[in-house]
N, C-alpha and C. Protein backbone atom coordinates (compact mmCIF):
# COMPACT_ATOMS: atom_id res chain seq x y z
N MET A 1 22.09 -10.38 16.20
CA MET A 1 21.88 -9.13 16.35
C MET A 1 21.11 -8.72 15.12
N LEU A 2 21.87 -8.58 13.87
CA LEU A 2 21.27 -8.19 12.66
C LEU A 2 19.77 -9.16 12.20
N HIS A 3 19.62 -9.98 12.58
CA HIS A 3 18.56 -11.00 12.32
C HIS A 3 17.38 -9.97 13.22
N THR A 4 17.68 -9.70 14.51
CA THR A 4 16.78 -8.93 15.76
C THR A 4 16.17 -7.52 14.83
N VAL A 5 17.30 -7.03 14.38
CA VAL A 5 17.09 -5.76 13.54
C VAL A 5 16.31 -5.65 12.50
N LEU A 6 16.53 -6.79 11.73
CA LEU A 6 15.75 -7.06 10.44
C LEU A 6 14.40 -7.45 10.76
N ILE A 7 14.05 -8.23 11.76
CA ILE A 7 13.08 -8.65 11.92
C ILE A 7 11.77 -7.28 12.75
N VAL A 8 12.43 -6.51 13.19
CA VAL A 8 12.07 -5.33 13.89
C VAL A 8 11.64 -4.15 12.99
N LEU A 9 12.39 -4.26 11.70
CA LEU A 9 12.15 -3.46 10.58
C LEU A 9 11.08 -4.15 9.72
N LEU A 10 10.98 -5.11 9.61
CA LEU A 10 10.05 -5.80 8.93
C LEU A 10 8.76 -5.74 9.33
N ALA A 11 8.65 -5.85 10.96
CA ALA A 11 7.31 -5.49 11.42
C ALA A 11 6.86 -3.94 11.50
N ILE A 12 7.97 -3.02 11.49
CA ILE A 12 7.43 -1.76 10.97
C ILE A 12 7.04 -1.45 10.08
N VAL A 13 7.74 -1.83 8.82
CA VAL A 13 7.30 -1.94 7.25
C VAL A 13 5.80 -2.64 7.04
N SER A 14 5.60 -3.69 7.91
CA SER A 14 4.15 -4.33 7.56
C SER A 14 3.05 -3.65 8.17
N VAL A 15 3.57 -3.01 9.24
CA VAL A 15 2.09 -2.16 10.00
C VAL A 15 2.11 -1.16 9.15
N GLY A 16 3.16 -0.12 8.68
CA GLY A 16 3.14 0.91 7.62
C GLY A 16 2.41 0.38 6.34
N LEU A 17 2.75 -0.60 5.81
CA LEU A 17 1.96 -1.11 4.65
C LEU A 17 0.33 -1.50 4.93
N ILE A 18 0.13 -2.11 5.95
CA ILE A 18 -1.35 -2.07 6.34
C ILE A 18 -1.97 -0.60 6.28
N LEU A 19 -1.48 0.03 7.08
CA LEU A 19 -1.95 1.37 7.25
C LEU A 19 -2.09 2.05 6.06
N VAL A 20 -1.13 2.30 4.93
CA VAL A 20 -1.18 2.66 3.88
C VAL A 20 -2.34 2.38 2.85
N VAL A 21 -2.36 0.91 2.74
CA VAL A 21 -3.25 0.22 2.20
C VAL A 21 -4.90 0.70 2.59
N LEU A 22 -4.89 0.49 4.09
CA LEU A 22 -6.29 1.09 4.44
C LEU A 22 -6.64 2.48 4.10
N LEU A 23 -5.78 3.33 4.05
CA LEU A 23 -6.18 4.64 4.02
C LEU A 23 -6.48 4.88 2.62
N GLN A 24 -6.20 4.05 1.50
CA GLN A 24 -6.24 4.25 0.18
C GLN A 24 -8.03 4.30 0.07
N SER A 25 -8.41 4.95 -1.17
CA SER A 25 -10.00 4.90 -1.40
C SER A 25 -10.23 3.69 -2.09
N GLY A 26 -11.19 3.15 -1.55
CA GLY A 26 -11.64 1.82 -2.13
C GLY A 26 -12.13 1.79 -3.55
N LYS A 27 -12.19 0.95 -4.26
CA LYS A 27 -12.90 0.98 -5.97
C LYS A 27 -14.31 0.67 -5.58
N SER A 28 -15.07 1.12 -6.17
CA SER A 28 -16.41 0.86 -6.51
C SER A 28 -16.80 -0.58 -7.19
N ALA A 29 -17.81 -1.28 -6.52
CA ALA A 29 -18.00 -2.49 -7.23
C ALA A 29 -19.32 -2.85 -7.50
N GLY A 30 -19.64 -3.42 -8.43
CA GLY A 30 -21.23 -3.74 -8.42
C GLY A 30 -21.69 -2.77 -9.67
N LEU A 31 -22.92 -2.75 -9.60
CA LEU A 31 -23.57 -2.26 -11.00
C LEU A 31 -23.89 -0.72 -10.50
N SER A 32 -23.99 -0.29 -9.24
CA SER A 32 -24.18 1.10 -8.87
C SER A 32 -22.90 1.56 -8.52
N GLY A 33 -21.95 0.81 -8.80
CA GLY A 33 -20.41 1.23 -8.58
C GLY A 33 -19.95 1.79 -9.82
N ALA A 34 -20.43 0.88 -11.01
CA ALA A 34 -20.11 1.31 -12.40
C ALA A 34 -20.85 2.25 -12.88
N ILE A 35 -22.10 2.65 -12.54
CA ILE A 35 -22.77 3.88 -12.79
C ILE A 35 -22.05 5.12 -12.03
N SER A 36 -21.78 5.09 -10.52
CA SER A 36 -21.27 6.27 -10.39
C SER A 36 -19.91 6.32 -10.83
N GLY A 37 -19.03 5.29 -10.70
CA GLY A 37 -17.75 5.41 -11.07
C GLY A 37 -17.50 5.82 -12.54
N GLY A 38 -18.51 5.76 -13.52
CA GLY A 38 -18.55 6.31 -14.80
C GLY A 38 -18.96 7.96 -14.52
N ALA A 39 -19.78 8.29 -13.91
CA ALA A 39 -19.89 9.46 -13.46
C ALA A 39 -18.66 10.40 -12.71
N GLU A 40 -17.99 9.80 -12.08
CA GLU A 40 -17.06 10.33 -11.31
C GLU A 40 -15.79 10.41 -12.60
N GLN A 41 -15.47 9.46 -13.36
CA GLN A 41 -14.59 9.74 -14.49
C GLN A 41 -15.16 10.87 -15.50
N LEU A 42 -16.40 11.03 -15.71
CA LEU A 42 -16.60 11.84 -16.60
C LEU A 42 -16.47 13.41 -15.90
N PHE A 43 -16.96 13.32 -14.87
CA PHE A 43 -16.81 14.97 -14.02
C PHE A 43 -15.92 15.22 -13.43
N GLY A 44 -15.18 14.02 -12.93
CA GLY A 44 -13.89 14.24 -12.41
C GLY A 44 -13.98 13.97 -11.05
N LYS A 45 -12.89 13.46 -10.15
CA LYS A 45 -12.83 13.27 -8.91
C LYS A 45 -11.37 13.73 -8.29
N GLN A 46 -11.09 15.16 -8.48
CA GLN A 46 -9.65 15.42 -8.55
C GLN A 46 -9.35 15.70 -7.23
N LYS A 47 -10.19 16.01 -6.30
CA LYS A 47 -9.94 16.43 -4.81
C LYS A 47 -8.83 15.20 -4.06
N ALA A 48 -9.39 14.06 -4.48
CA ALA A 48 -8.66 13.05 -3.76
C ALA A 48 -7.70 12.32 -4.55
N ARG A 49 -7.74 12.60 -5.55
CA ARG A 49 -6.66 12.22 -6.96
C ARG A 49 -4.94 12.18 -6.23
N GLY A 50 -4.70 13.43 -5.77
CA GLY A 50 -3.45 13.93 -5.44
C GLY A 50 -3.12 12.83 -4.29
N LEU A 51 -3.88 12.62 -3.26
CA LEU A 51 -3.73 12.04 -2.18
C LEU A 51 -3.60 10.41 -2.58
N ASP A 52 -4.37 9.99 -3.37
CA ASP A 52 -4.16 8.44 -3.78
C ASP A 52 -2.98 8.15 -4.72
N LEU A 53 -2.77 9.19 -5.32
CA LEU A 53 -1.29 8.93 -6.03
C LEU A 53 -0.31 8.67 -5.16
N ILE A 54 -0.22 9.70 -4.06
CA ILE A 54 0.81 9.51 -2.95
C ILE A 54 0.82 8.46 -2.53
N LEU A 55 -0.46 8.14 -1.68
CA LEU A 55 -0.59 6.87 -1.19
C LEU A 55 -0.11 5.60 -2.02
N HIS A 56 -0.35 5.57 -3.22
CA HIS A 56 -0.20 4.40 -4.31
C HIS A 56 1.45 4.63 -4.51
N ARG A 57 2.13 5.24 -4.26
CA ARG A 57 3.70 5.31 -4.59
C ARG A 57 4.14 4.78 -3.00
N ILE A 58 3.58 5.54 -1.87
CA ILE A 58 4.19 4.85 -0.85
C ILE A 58 3.93 3.33 -0.69
N THR A 59 2.60 2.99 -1.08
CA THR A 59 2.46 1.41 -1.14
C THR A 59 3.65 0.79 -2.09
N ILE A 60 3.65 1.10 -3.03
CA ILE A 60 4.99 0.56 -3.81
C ILE A 60 6.29 0.24 -3.08
N VAL A 61 6.64 1.57 -2.50
CA VAL A 61 8.06 1.66 -1.79
C VAL A 61 7.91 0.44 -0.55
N LEU A 62 6.87 0.44 -0.06
CA LEU A 62 6.74 -0.28 1.24
C LEU A 62 6.57 -1.61 0.97
N SER A 63 5.92 -2.06 -0.16
CA SER A 63 5.79 -3.55 -0.67
C SER A 63 7.17 -3.84 -1.10
N VAL A 64 7.98 -3.20 -1.75
CA VAL A 64 9.25 -3.43 -2.28
C VAL A 64 10.08 -3.91 -1.10
N LEU A 65 10.04 -2.96 -0.15
CA LEU A 65 11.13 -2.92 1.30
C LEU A 65 10.55 -4.02 1.89
N PHE A 66 9.37 -4.52 1.92
CA PHE A 66 8.65 -5.64 2.58
C PHE A 66 9.26 -7.06 2.12
N PHE A 67 9.43 -7.05 0.86
CA PHE A 67 9.99 -8.25 0.15
C PHE A 67 11.57 -8.32 0.32
N ILE A 68 12.01 -7.35 -0.01
CA ILE A 68 13.56 -7.41 0.32
C ILE A 68 13.78 -7.79 1.69
N LEU A 69 13.12 -7.15 3.19
CA LEU A 69 13.37 -7.46 4.32
C LEU A 69 12.86 -8.90 4.59
N THR A 70 11.77 -9.38 3.97
CA THR A 70 11.41 -10.66 4.16
C THR A 70 12.74 -11.83 3.73
N ILE A 71 13.05 -11.70 2.58
CA ILE A 71 14.16 -12.32 1.80
C ILE A 71 15.36 -12.07 2.53
N ALA A 72 15.80 -10.99 3.16
CA ALA A 72 16.85 -10.75 4.19
C ALA A 72 16.96 -11.66 5.57
N VAL A 73 15.57 -11.79 5.98
CA VAL A 73 15.41 -12.15 7.19
C VAL A 73 15.45 -13.91 7.15
N SER A 74 14.98 -14.09 5.95
CA SER A 74 15.32 -15.56 5.77
C SER A 74 16.48 -16.28 5.43
N TYR A 75 17.23 -15.17 4.63
CA TYR A 75 18.88 -15.57 4.59
C TYR A 75 19.73 -15.76 5.64
N PHE A 76 19.33 -14.52 6.49
CA PHE A 76 20.15 -14.49 7.79
C PHE A 76 19.47 -15.20 9.10
N ALA A 77 18.44 -16.13 8.66
CA ALA A 77 18.15 -17.15 9.91
C ALA A 77 18.65 -18.27 9.81
N LEU A 78 19.44 -18.31 8.70
CA LEU A 78 20.15 -19.82 8.34
C LEU A 78 21.58 -19.68 9.31
């Protein structure tokens, strides 16, 4: 019974982690990203900064939960 509950929680946390990572803004890559990224740092991109910070913290919490639940599932599977 406990094993089933842990697996369901792990599935929910996994889907949540995927969604939060997909919601985060991507980092620019390449030469054009280096140029526009420098301009964004110089002039600021403050509108999305608060949301990115919240999503970053949620990602950390969900990833820690993911690893704890993964270890718990493997422990109780025995």
